[in-house]
């Protein structure tokens, strides 16, 4: 429990300050950070749409496009739905 409390800011600490069990604290923080399953699914749907619609503009440099693409890929991975390397390479 001490390790969890040391790794958070003041706002996160307020969410779990009265919690004695590490698993309960972890679950509270996980929902606060990621949201419920319904919220996660909604976020994933938005990310999938952004991924599919993402196109490199004519005046856009490759690095800017790569940053946008990798931002979507990383967010999706954090929510538990990673894109395969093959799919990311195809998008490039």
PDB file of N, CA and C in Angstrom:
ATOM      1  N   UNK A   1       0.833  -1.182   0.000  1.00  0.00           N
ATOM      2  CA  UNK A   1       0.000   0.000   0.000  1.00  0.00           C
ATOM      3  C   UNK A   1       0.879   1.248   0.000  1.00  0.00           C
ATOM      4  N   UNK A   2       1.974   1.176   0.709  1.00  0.00           N
ATOM      5  CA  UNK A   2       2.892   2.309   0.792  1.00  0.00           C
ATOM      6  C   UNK A   2       3.464   2.660  -0.580  1.00  0.00           C
ATOM      7  N   UNK A   3       3.796   1.649  -1.371  1.00  0.00           N
ATOM      8  CA  UNK A   3       4.358   1.884  -2.704  1.00  0.00           C
ATOM      9  C   UNK A   3       3.349   2.586  -3.603  1.00  0.00           C
ATOM     10  N   UNK A   4       2.090   2.227  -3.504  1.00  0.00           N
ATOM     11  CA  UNK A   4       1.057   2.879  -4.306  1.00  0.00           C
ATOM     12  C   UNK A   4       0.940   4.345  -3.908  1.00  0.00           C
ATOM     13  N   UNK A   5       0.910   4.611  -2.619  1.00  0.00           N
ATOM     14  CA  UNK A   5       0.743   5.980  -2.139  1.00  0.00           C
ATOM     15  C   UNK A   5       1.939   6.871  -2.492  1.00  0.00           C
ATOM     16  N   UNK A   6       3.103   6.296  -2.556  1.00  0.00           N
ATOM     17  CA  UNK A   6       4.292   7.078  -2.897  1.00  0.00           C
ATOM     18  C   UNK A   6       4.340   7.462  -4.373  1.00  0.00           C
ATOM     19  N   UNK A   7       3.600   6.758  -5.191  1.00  0.00           N
ATOM     20  CA  UNK A   7       3.683   6.945  -6.638  1.00  0.00           C
ATOM     21  C   UNK A   7       2.559   7.817  -7.192  1.00  0.00           C
ATOM     22  N   UNK A   8       1.873   8.582  -6.365  1.00  0.00           N
ATOM     23  CA  UNK A   8       0.743   9.353  -6.869  1.00  0.00           C
ATOM     24  C   UNK A   8       0.807  10.801  -6.420  1.00  0.00           C
ATOM     25  N   UNK A   9       0.018  11.620  -7.097  1.00  0.00           N
ATOM     26  CA  UNK A   9      -0.052  13.025  -6.713  1.00  0.00           C
ATOM     27  C   UNK A   9      -1.134  13.225  -5.656  1.00  0.00           C
ATOM     28  N   UNK A  10      -1.305  14.461  -5.232  1.00  0.00           N
ATOM     29  CA  UNK A  10      -2.233  14.767  -4.139  1.00  0.00           C
ATOM     30  C   UNK A  10      -3.681  14.430  -4.481  1.00  0.00           C
ATOM     31  N   UNK A  11      -4.094  14.692  -5.727  1.00  0.00           N
ATOM     32  CA  UNK A  11      -5.474  14.401  -6.125  1.00  0.00           C
ATOM     33  C   UNK A  11      -5.765  12.910  -6.127  1.00  0.00           C
ATOM     34  N   UNK A  12      -4.819  12.124  -6.600  1.00  0.00           N
ATOM     35  CA  UNK A  12      -5.005  10.677  -6.586  1.00  0.00           C
ATOM     36  C   UNK A  12      -5.017  10.161  -5.154  1.00  0.00           C
ATOM     37  N   UNK A  13      -4.174  10.726  -4.312  1.00  0.00           N
ATOM     38  CA  UNK A  13      -4.120  10.301  -2.912  1.00  0.00           C
ATOM     39  C   UNK A  13      -5.467  10.513  -2.224  1.00  0.00           C
ATOM     40  N   UNK A  14      -6.129  11.625  -2.559  1.00  0.00           N
ATOM     41  CA  UNK A  14      -7.430  11.909  -1.940  1.00  0.00           C
ATOM     42  C   UNK A  14      -8.464  10.830  -2.248  1.00  0.00           C
ATOM     43  N   UNK A  15      -8.336  10.186  -3.408  1.00  0.00           N
ATOM     44  CA  UNK A  15      -9.285   9.134  -3.776  1.00  0.00           C
ATOM     45  C   UNK A  15      -9.161   7.894  -2.894  1.00  0.00           C
ATOM     46  N   UNK A  16      -7.957   7.625  -2.416  1.00  0.00           N
ATOM     47  CA  UNK A  16      -7.734   6.368  -1.691  1.00  0.00           C
ATOM     48  C   UNK A  16      -7.213   6.559  -0.274  1.00  0.00           C
ATOM     49  N   UNK A  17      -7.242   7.766   0.241  1.00  0.00           N
ATOM     50  CA  UNK A  17      -6.621   8.031   1.539  1.00  0.00           C
ATOM     51  C   UNK A  17      -7.208   7.219   2.689  1.00  0.00           C
ATOM     52  N   UNK A  18      -8.460   6.823   2.595  1.00  0.00           N
ATOM     53  CA  UNK A  18      -9.081   6.044   3.667  1.00  0.00           C
ATOM     54  C   UNK A  18      -9.102   4.548   3.388  1.00  0.00           C
ATOM     55  N   UNK A  19      -8.459   4.138   2.316  1.00  0.00           N
ATOM     56  CA  UNK A  19      -8.438   2.738   1.928  1.00  0.00           C
ATOM     57  C   UNK A  19      -7.273   2.026   2.615  1.00  0.00           C
ATOM     58  N   UNK A  20      -7.533   0.847   3.149  1.00  0.00           N
ATOM     59  CA  UNK A  20      -6.499   0.088   3.847  1.00  0.00           C
ATOM     60  C   UNK A  20      -5.951  -1.079   3.026  1.00  0.00           C
ATOM     61  N   UNK A  21      -6.711  -1.522   2.032  1.00  0.00           N
ATOM     62  CA  UNK A  21      -6.348  -2.696   1.246  1.00  0.00           C
ATOM     63  C   UNK A  21      -5.819  -2.243  -0.117  1.00  0.00           C
ATOM     64  N   UNK A  22      -4.649  -2.721  -0.474  1.00  0.00           N
ATOM     65  CA  UNK A  22      -3.988  -2.299  -1.706  1.00  0.00           C
ATOM     66  C   UNK A  22      -4.828  -2.611  -2.939  1.00  0.00           C
ATOM     67  N   UNK A  23      -5.463  -3.747  -3.001  1.00  0.00           N
ATOM     68  CA  UNK A  23      -6.271  -4.137  -4.163  1.00  0.00           C
ATOM     69  C   UNK A  23      -7.437  -3.176  -4.355  1.00  0.00           C
ATOM     70  N   UNK A  24      -8.078  -2.770  -3.278  1.00  0.00           N
ATOM     71  CA  UNK A  24      -9.190  -1.820  -3.355  1.00  0.00           C
ATOM     72  C   UNK A  24      -8.676  -0.476  -3.862  1.00  0.00           C
ATOM     73  N   UNK A  25      -7.555  -0.037  -3.336  1.00  0.00           N
ATOM     74  CA  UNK A  25      -6.957   1.226  -3.780  1.00  0.00           C
ATOM     75  C   UNK A  25      -6.597   1.152  -5.254  1.00  0.00           C
ATOM     76  N   UNK A  26      -6.008   0.049  -5.670  1.00  0.00           N
ATOM     77  CA  UNK A  26      -5.625  -0.125  -7.069  1.00  0.00           C
ATOM     78  C   UNK A  26      -6.848  -0.064  -7.982  1.00  0.00           C
ATOM     79  N   UNK A  27      -7.926  -0.733  -7.597  1.00  0.00           N
ATOM     80  CA  UNK A  27      -9.145  -0.732  -8.401  1.00  0.00           C
ATOM     81  C   UNK A  27      -9.741   0.673  -8.520  1.00  0.00           C
ATOM     82  N   UNK A  28      -9.725   1.429  -7.435  1.00  0.00           N
ATOM     83  CA  UNK A  28     -10.229   2.807  -7.462  1.00  0.00           C
ATOM     84  C   UNK A  28      -9.398   3.654  -8.416  1.00  0.00           C
ATOM     85  N   UNK A  29      -8.088   3.529  -8.325  1.00  0.00           N
ATOM     86  CA  UNK A  29      -7.203   4.303  -9.200  1.00  0.00           C
ATOM     87  C   UNK A  29      -7.340   3.884 -10.662  1.00  0.00           C
ATOM     88  N   UNK A  30      -7.534   2.602 -10.890  1.00  0.00           N
ATOM     89  CA  UNK A  30      -7.683   2.111 -12.253  1.00  0.00           C
ATOM     90  C   UNK A  30      -8.944   2.679 -12.900  1.00  0.00           C
ATOM     91  N   UNK A  31     -10.048   2.683 -12.191  1.00  0.00           N
ATOM     92  CA  UNK A  31     -11.293   3.247 -12.729  1.00  0.00           C
ATOM     93  C   UNK A  31     -11.141   4.754 -12.924  1.00  0.00           C
ATOM     94  N   UNK A  32     -10.464   5.432 -11.994  1.00  0.00           N
ATOM     95  CA  UNK A  32     -10.265   6.876 -12.131  1.00  0.00           C
ATOM     96  C   UNK A  32      -9.405   7.198 -13.348  1.00  0.00           C
ATOM     97  N   UNK A  33      -8.431   6.363 -13.629  1.00  0.00           N
ATOM     98  CA  UNK A  33      -7.514   6.619 -14.743  1.00  0.00           C
ATOM     99  C   UNK A  33      -8.088   6.154 -16.077  1.00  0.00           C
ATOM    100  N   UNK A  34      -8.593   4.953 -16.131  1.00  0.00           N
ATOM    101  CA  UNK A  34      -9.052   4.363 -17.389  1.00  0.00           C
ATOM    102  C   UNK A  34     -10.551   4.485 -17.597  1.00  0.00           C
ATOM    103  N   UNK A  35     -11.300   4.582 -16.536  1.00  0.00           N
ATOM    104  CA  UNK A  35     -12.753   4.592 -16.646  1.00  0.00           C
ATOM    105  C   UNK A  35     -13.309   3.189 -16.518  1.00  0.00           C
ATOM    106  N   UNK A  36     -14.605   3.085 -16.569  1.00  0.00           N
ATOM    107  CA  UNK A  36     -15.256   1.780 -16.495  1.00  0.00           C
ATOM    108  C   UNK A  36     -15.084   1.068 -17.828  1.00  0.00           C
ATOM    109  N   UNK A  37     -15.531  -0.161 -17.910  1.00  0.00           N
ATOM    110  CA  UNK A  37     -15.434  -0.923 -19.157  1.00  0.00           C
ATOM    111  C   UNK A  37     -16.197  -0.232 -20.288  1.00  0.00           C
ATOM    112  N   UNK A  38     -17.329   0.367 -19.972  1.00  0.00           N
ATOM    113  CA  UNK A  38     -18.113   1.064 -20.993  1.00  0.00           C
ATOM    114  C   UNK A  38     -17.331   2.262 -21.527  1.00  0.00           C
ATOM    115  N   UNK A  39     -16.683   3.004 -20.641  1.00  0.00           N
ATOM    116  CA  UNK A  39     -15.887   4.155 -21.048  1.00  0.00           C
ATOM    117  C   UNK A  39     -14.688   3.698 -21.872  1.00  0.00           C
ATOM    118  N   UNK A  40     -14.036   2.609 -21.456  1.00  0.00           N
ATOM    119  CA  UNK A  40     -12.894   2.086 -22.210  1.00  0.00           C
ATOM    120  C   UNK A  40     -13.310   1.689 -23.618  1.00  0.00           C
ATOM    121  N   UNK A  41     -14.452   1.029 -23.751  1.00  0.00           N
ATOM    122  CA  UNK A  41     -14.939   0.626 -25.072  1.00  0.00           C
ATOM    123  C   UNK A  41     -15.226   1.841 -25.945  1.00  0.00           C
ATOM    124  N   UNK A  42     -15.804   2.876 -25.350  1.00  0.00           N
ATOM    125  CA  UNK A  42     -16.079   4.094 -26.107  1.00  0.00           C
ATOM    126  C   UNK A  42     -14.789   4.749 -26.572  1.00  0.00           C
ATOM    127  N   UNK A  43     -13.806   4.809 -25.681  1.00  0.00           N
ATOM    128  CA  UNK A  43     -12.507   5.390 -26.042  1.00  0.00           C
ATOM    129  C   UNK A  43     -11.852   4.591 -27.163  1.00  0.00           C
ATOM    130  N   UNK A  44     -11.940   3.270 -27.078  1.00  0.00           N
ATOM    131  CA  UNK A  44     -11.357   2.424 -28.119  1.00  0.00           C
ATOM    132  C   UNK A  44     -12.049   2.626 -29.464  1.00  0.00           C
ATOM    133  N   UNK A  45     -13.353   2.789 -29.454  1.00  0.00           N
ATOM    134  CA  UNK A  45     -14.077   3.034 -30.700  1.00  0.00           C
ATOM    135  C   UNK A  45     -13.648   4.349 -31.338  1.00  0.00           C
ATOM    136  N   UNK A  46     -13.473   5.376 -30.512  1.00  0.00           N
ATOM    137  CA  UNK A  46     -13.012   6.672 -31.017  1.00  0.00           C
ATOM    138  C   UNK A  46     -11.610   6.540 -31.601  1.00  0.00           C
ATOM    139  N   UNK A  47     -10.733   5.837 -30.898  1.00  0.00           N
ATOM    140  CA  UNK A  47      -9.364   5.651 -31.387  1.00  0.00           C
ATOM    141  C   UNK A  47      -9.336   4.856 -32.686  1.00  0.00           C
ATOM    142  N   UNK A  48     -10.175   3.834 -32.798  1.00  0.00           N
ATOM    143  CA  UNK A  48     -10.230   3.050 -34.029  1.00  0.00           C
ATOM    144  C   UNK A  48     -10.679   3.903 -35.204  1.00  0.00           C
ATOM    145  N   UNK A  49     -11.648   4.761 -34.969  1.00  0.00           N
ATOM    146  CA  UNK A  49     -12.110   5.665 -36.025  1.00  0.00           C
ATOM    147  C   UNK A  49     -11.010   6.641 -36.419  1.00  0.00           C
ATOM    148  N   UNK A  50     -10.324   7.201 -35.419  1.00  0.00           N
ATOM    149  CA  UNK A  50      -9.222   8.110 -35.712  1.00  0.00           C
ATOM    150  C   UNK A  50      -8.128   7.412 -36.504  1.00  0.00           C
ATOM    151  N   UNK A  51      -7.837   6.163 -36.134  1.00  0.00           N
ATOM    152  CA  UNK A  51      -6.809   5.397 -36.840  1.00  0.00           C
ATOM    153  C   UNK A  51      -7.200   5.198 -38.301  1.00  0.00           C
ATOM    154  N   UNK A  52      -8.434   4.796 -38.531  1.00  0.00           N
ATOM    155  CA  UNK A  52      -8.888   4.520 -39.889  1.00  0.00           C
ATOM    156  C   UNK A  52      -8.935   5.784 -40.744  1.00  0.00           C
ATOM    157  N   UNK A  53      -9.306   6.909 -40.157  1.00  0.00           N
ATOM    158  CA  UNK A  53      -9.449   8.146 -40.913  1.00  0.00           C
ATOM    159  C   UNK A  53      -8.151   8.941 -41.047  1.00  0.00           C
ATOM    160  N   UNK A  54      -7.132   8.559 -40.308  1.00  0.00           N
ATOM    161  CA  UNK A  54      -5.879   9.304 -40.312  1.00  0.00           C
ATOM    162  C   UNK A  54      -5.201   9.229 -41.678  1.00  0.00           C
ATOM    163  N   UNK A  55      -4.939  10.394 -42.225  1.00  0.00           N
ATOM    164  CA  UNK A  55      -4.234  10.511 -43.497  1.00  0.00           C
ATOM    165  C   UNK A  55      -3.189  11.610 -43.362  1.00  0.00           C
ATOM    166  N   UNK A  56      -2.106  11.448 -44.072  1.00  0.00           N
ATOM    167  CA  UNK A  56      -1.054  12.458 -44.060  1.00  0.00           C
ATOM    168  C   UNK A  56      -1.431  13.566 -45.036  1.00  0.00           C
ATOM    169  N   UNK A  57      -1.447  14.813 -44.540  1.00  0.00           N
ATOM    170  CA  UNK A  57      -1.777  15.946 -45.388  1.00  0.00           C
ATOM    171  C   UNK A  57      -0.643  16.281 -46.345  1.00  0.00           C
ATOM    172  N   UNK A  58      -0.992  16.962 -47.419  1.00  0.00           N
ATOM    173  CA  UNK A  58       0.017  17.319 -48.415  1.00  0.00           C
ATOM    174  C   UNK A  58       1.110  18.219 -47.850  1.00  0.00           C
ATOM    175  N   UNK A  59       0.739  19.116 -46.937  1.00  0.00           N
ATOM    176  CA  UNK A  59       1.711  20.036 -46.358  1.00  0.00           C
ATOM    177  C   UNK A  59       2.270  19.542 -45.017  1.00  0.00           C
ATOM    178  N   UNK A  60       1.975  18.325 -44.665  1.00  0.00           N
ATOM    179  CA  UNK A  60       2.393  17.756 -43.389  1.00  0.00           C
ATOM    180  C   UNK A  60       3.703  16.989 -43.562  1.00  0.00           C
ATOM    181  N   UNK A  61       4.624  17.176 -42.605  1.00  0.00           N
ATOM    182  CA  UNK A  61       5.872  16.420 -42.681  1.00  0.00           C
ATOM    183  C   UNK A  61       5.660  15.023 -42.075  1.00  0.00           C
ATOM    184  N   UNK A  62       6.534  14.116 -42.451  1.00  0.00           N
ATOM    185  CA  UNK A  62       6.394  12.725 -42.032  1.00  0.00           C
ATOM    186  C   UNK A  62       6.441  12.591 -40.508  1.00  0.00           C
ATOM    187  N   UNK A  63       7.311  13.356 -39.846  1.00  0.00           N
ATOM    188  CA  UNK A  63       7.434  13.255 -38.391  1.00  0.00           C
ATOM    189  C   UNK A  63       6.136  13.632 -37.684  1.00  0.00           C
ATOM    190  N   UNK A  64       5.451  14.658 -38.176  1.00  0.00           N
ATOM    191  CA  UNK A  64       4.170  15.044 -37.571  1.00  0.00           C
ATOM    192  C   UNK A  64       3.124  13.946 -37.731  1.00  0.00           C
ATOM    193  N   UNK A  65       3.085  13.334 -38.911  1.00  0.00           N
ATOM    194  CA  UNK A  65       2.160  12.229 -39.150  1.00  0.00           C
ATOM    195  C   UNK A  65       2.486  11.050 -38.232  1.00  0.00           C
ATOM    196  N   UNK A  66       3.762  10.745 -38.109  1.00  0.00           N
ATOM    197  CA  UNK A  66       4.185   9.628 -37.260  1.00  0.00           C
ATOM    198  C   UNK A  66       3.800   9.872 -35.804  1.00  0.00           C
ATOM    199  N   UNK A  67       3.955  11.095 -35.333  1.00  0.00           N
ATOM    200  CA  UNK A  67       3.593  11.427 -33.955  1.00  0.00           C
ATOM    201  C   UNK A  67       2.099  11.213 -33.730  1.00  0.00           C
ATOM    202  N   UNK A  68       1.267  11.677 -34.663  1.00  0.00           N
ATOM    203  CA  UNK A  68      -0.181  11.487 -34.531  1.00  0.00           C
ATOM    204  C   UNK A  68      -0.545  10.011 -34.545  1.00  0.00           C
ATOM    205  N   UNK A  69       0.073   9.267 -35.455  1.00  0.00           N
ATOM    206  CA  UNK A  69      -0.213   7.837 -35.553  1.00  0.00           C
ATOM    207  C   UNK A  69       0.203   7.102 -34.284  1.00  0.00           C
ATOM    208  N   UNK A  70       1.399   7.371 -33.807  1.00  0.00           N
ATOM    209  CA  UNK A  70       1.890   6.662 -32.623  1.00  0.00           C
ATOM    210  C   UNK A  70       1.117   7.058 -31.366  1.00  0.00           C
ATOM    211  N   UNK A  71       0.593   8.268 -31.324  1.00  0.00           N
ATOM    212  CA  UNK A  71      -0.249   8.682 -30.199  1.00  0.00           C
ATOM    213  C   UNK A  71      -1.506   7.817 -30.139  1.00  0.00           C
ATOM    214  N   UNK A  72      -2.133   7.601 -31.283  1.00  0.00           N
ATOM    215  CA  UNK A  72      -3.325   6.753 -31.344  1.00  0.00           C
ATOM    216  C   UNK A  72      -2.971   5.318 -30.977  1.00  0.00           C
ATOM    217  N   UNK A  73      -1.880   4.806 -31.528  1.00  0.00           N
ATOM    218  CA  UNK A  73      -1.454   3.429 -31.266  1.00  0.00           C
ATOM    219  C   UNK A  73      -1.150   3.234 -29.783  1.00  0.00           C
ATOM    220  N   UNK A  74      -0.443   4.180 -29.171  1.00  0.00           N
ATOM    221  CA  UNK A  74      -0.084   4.062 -27.754  1.00  0.00           C
ATOM    222  C   UNK A  74      -1.303   4.142 -26.843  1.00  0.00           C
ATOM    223  N   UNK A  75      -2.220   5.045 -27.151  1.00  0.00           N
ATOM    224  CA  UNK A  75      -3.441   5.134 -26.345  1.00  0.00           C
ATOM    225  C   UNK A  75      -4.246   3.847 -26.423  1.00  0.00           C
ATOM    226  N   UNK A  76      -4.337   3.284 -27.602  1.00  0.00           N
ATOM    227  CA  UNK A  76      -5.055   2.027 -27.778  1.00  0.00           C
ATOM    228  C   UNK A  76      -4.384   0.900 -26.996  1.00  0.00           C
ATOM    229  N   UNK A  77      -3.069   0.873 -27.045  1.00  0.00           N
ATOM    230  CA  UNK A  77      -2.308  -0.141 -26.306  1.00  0.00           C
ATOM    231  C   UNK A  77      -2.546  -0.007 -24.800  1.00  0.00           C
ATOM    232  N   UNK A  78      -2.574   1.220 -24.297  1.00  0.00           N
ATOM    233  CA  UNK A  78      -2.801   1.443 -22.869  1.00  0.00           C
ATOM    234  C   UNK A  78      -4.189   0.984 -22.430  1.00  0.00           C
ATOM    235  N   UNK A  79      -5.129   1.016 -23.355  1.00  0.00           N
ATOM    236  CA  UNK A  79      -6.486   0.567 -23.033  1.00  0.00           C
ATOM    237  C   UNK A  79      -6.675  -0.930 -23.257  1.00  0.00           C
ATOM    238  N   UNK A  80      -5.599  -1.617 -23.634  1.00  0.00           N
ATOM    239  CA  UNK A  80      -5.654  -3.066 -23.745  1.00  0.00           C
ATOM    240  C   UNK A  80      -5.990  -3.598 -25.125  1.00  0.00           C
ATOM    241  N   UNK A  81      -5.920  -2.755 -26.143  1.00  0.00           N
ATOM    242  CA  UNK A  81      -6.228  -3.191 -27.500  1.00  0.00           C
ATOM    243  C   UNK A  81      -5.124  -2.724 -28.451  1.00  0.00           C
ATOM    244  N   UNK A  82      -3.959  -3.379 -28.372  1.00  0.00           N
ATOM    245  CA  UNK A  82      -2.829  -2.922 -29.189  1.00  0.00           C
ATOM    246  C   UNK A  82      -3.001  -3.245 -30.670  1.00  0.00           C
ATOM    247  N   UNK A  83      -2.460  -2.375 -31.499  1.00  0.00           N
ATOM    248  CA  UNK A  83      -2.415  -2.638 -32.936  1.00  0.00           C
ATOM    249  C   UNK A  83      -1.191  -3.493 -33.228  1.00  0.00           C
ATOM    250  N   UNK A  84      -1.300  -4.370 -34.194  1.00  0.00           N
ATOM    251  CA  UNK A  84      -0.159  -5.197 -34.573  1.00  0.00           C
ATOM    252  C   UNK A  84       0.856  -4.322 -35.310  1.00  0.00           C
ATOM    253  N   UNK A  85       2.121  -4.728 -35.244  1.00  0.00           N
ATOM    254  CA  UNK A  85       3.171  -4.003 -35.958  1.00  0.00           C
ATOM    255  C   UNK A  85       2.868  -3.948 -37.449  1.00  0.00           C
ATOM    256  N   UNK A  86       2.323  -5.034 -37.960  1.00  0.00           N
ATOM    257  CA  UNK A  86       1.984  -5.108 -39.387  1.00  0.00           C
ATOM    258  C   UNK A  86       0.970  -4.038 -39.766  1.00  0.00           C
ATOM    259  N   UNK A  87      -0.041  -3.872 -38.937  1.00  0.00           N
ATOM    260  CA  UNK A  87      -1.092  -2.886 -39.229  1.00  0.00           C
ATOM    261  C   UNK A  87      -0.558  -1.456 -39.160  1.00  0.00           C
ATOM    262  N   UNK A  88       0.320  -1.195 -38.194  1.00  0.00           N
ATOM    263  CA  UNK A  88       0.918   0.130 -38.066  1.00  0.00           C
ATOM    264  C   UNK A  88       1.813   0.414 -39.271  1.00  0.00           C
ATOM    265  N   UNK A  89       2.591  -0.574 -39.679  1.00  0.00           N
ATOM    266  CA  UNK A  89       3.460  -0.401 -40.848  1.00  0.00           C
ATOM    267  C   UNK A  89       2.642  -0.159 -42.107  1.00  0.00           C
ATOM    268  N   UNK A  90       1.512  -0.826 -42.237  1.00  0.00           N
ATOM    269  CA  UNK A  90       0.655  -0.609 -43.391  1.00  0.00           C
ATOM    270  C   UNK A  90       0.116   0.826 -43.411  1.00  0.00           C
ATOM    271  N   UNK A  91      -0.151   1.353 -42.241  1.00  0.00           N
ATOM    272  CA  UNK A  91      -0.668   2.730 -42.159  1.00  0.00           C
ATOM    273  C   UNK A  91       0.387   3.733 -42.601  1.00  0.00           C
ATOM    274  N   UNK A  92       1.665   3.433 -42.309  1.00  0.00           N
ATOM    275  CA  UNK A  92       2.758   4.299 -42.770  1.00  0.00           C
ATOM    276  C   UNK A  92       2.781   4.308 -44.278  1.00  0.00           C
TER     277      UNK A  92
END
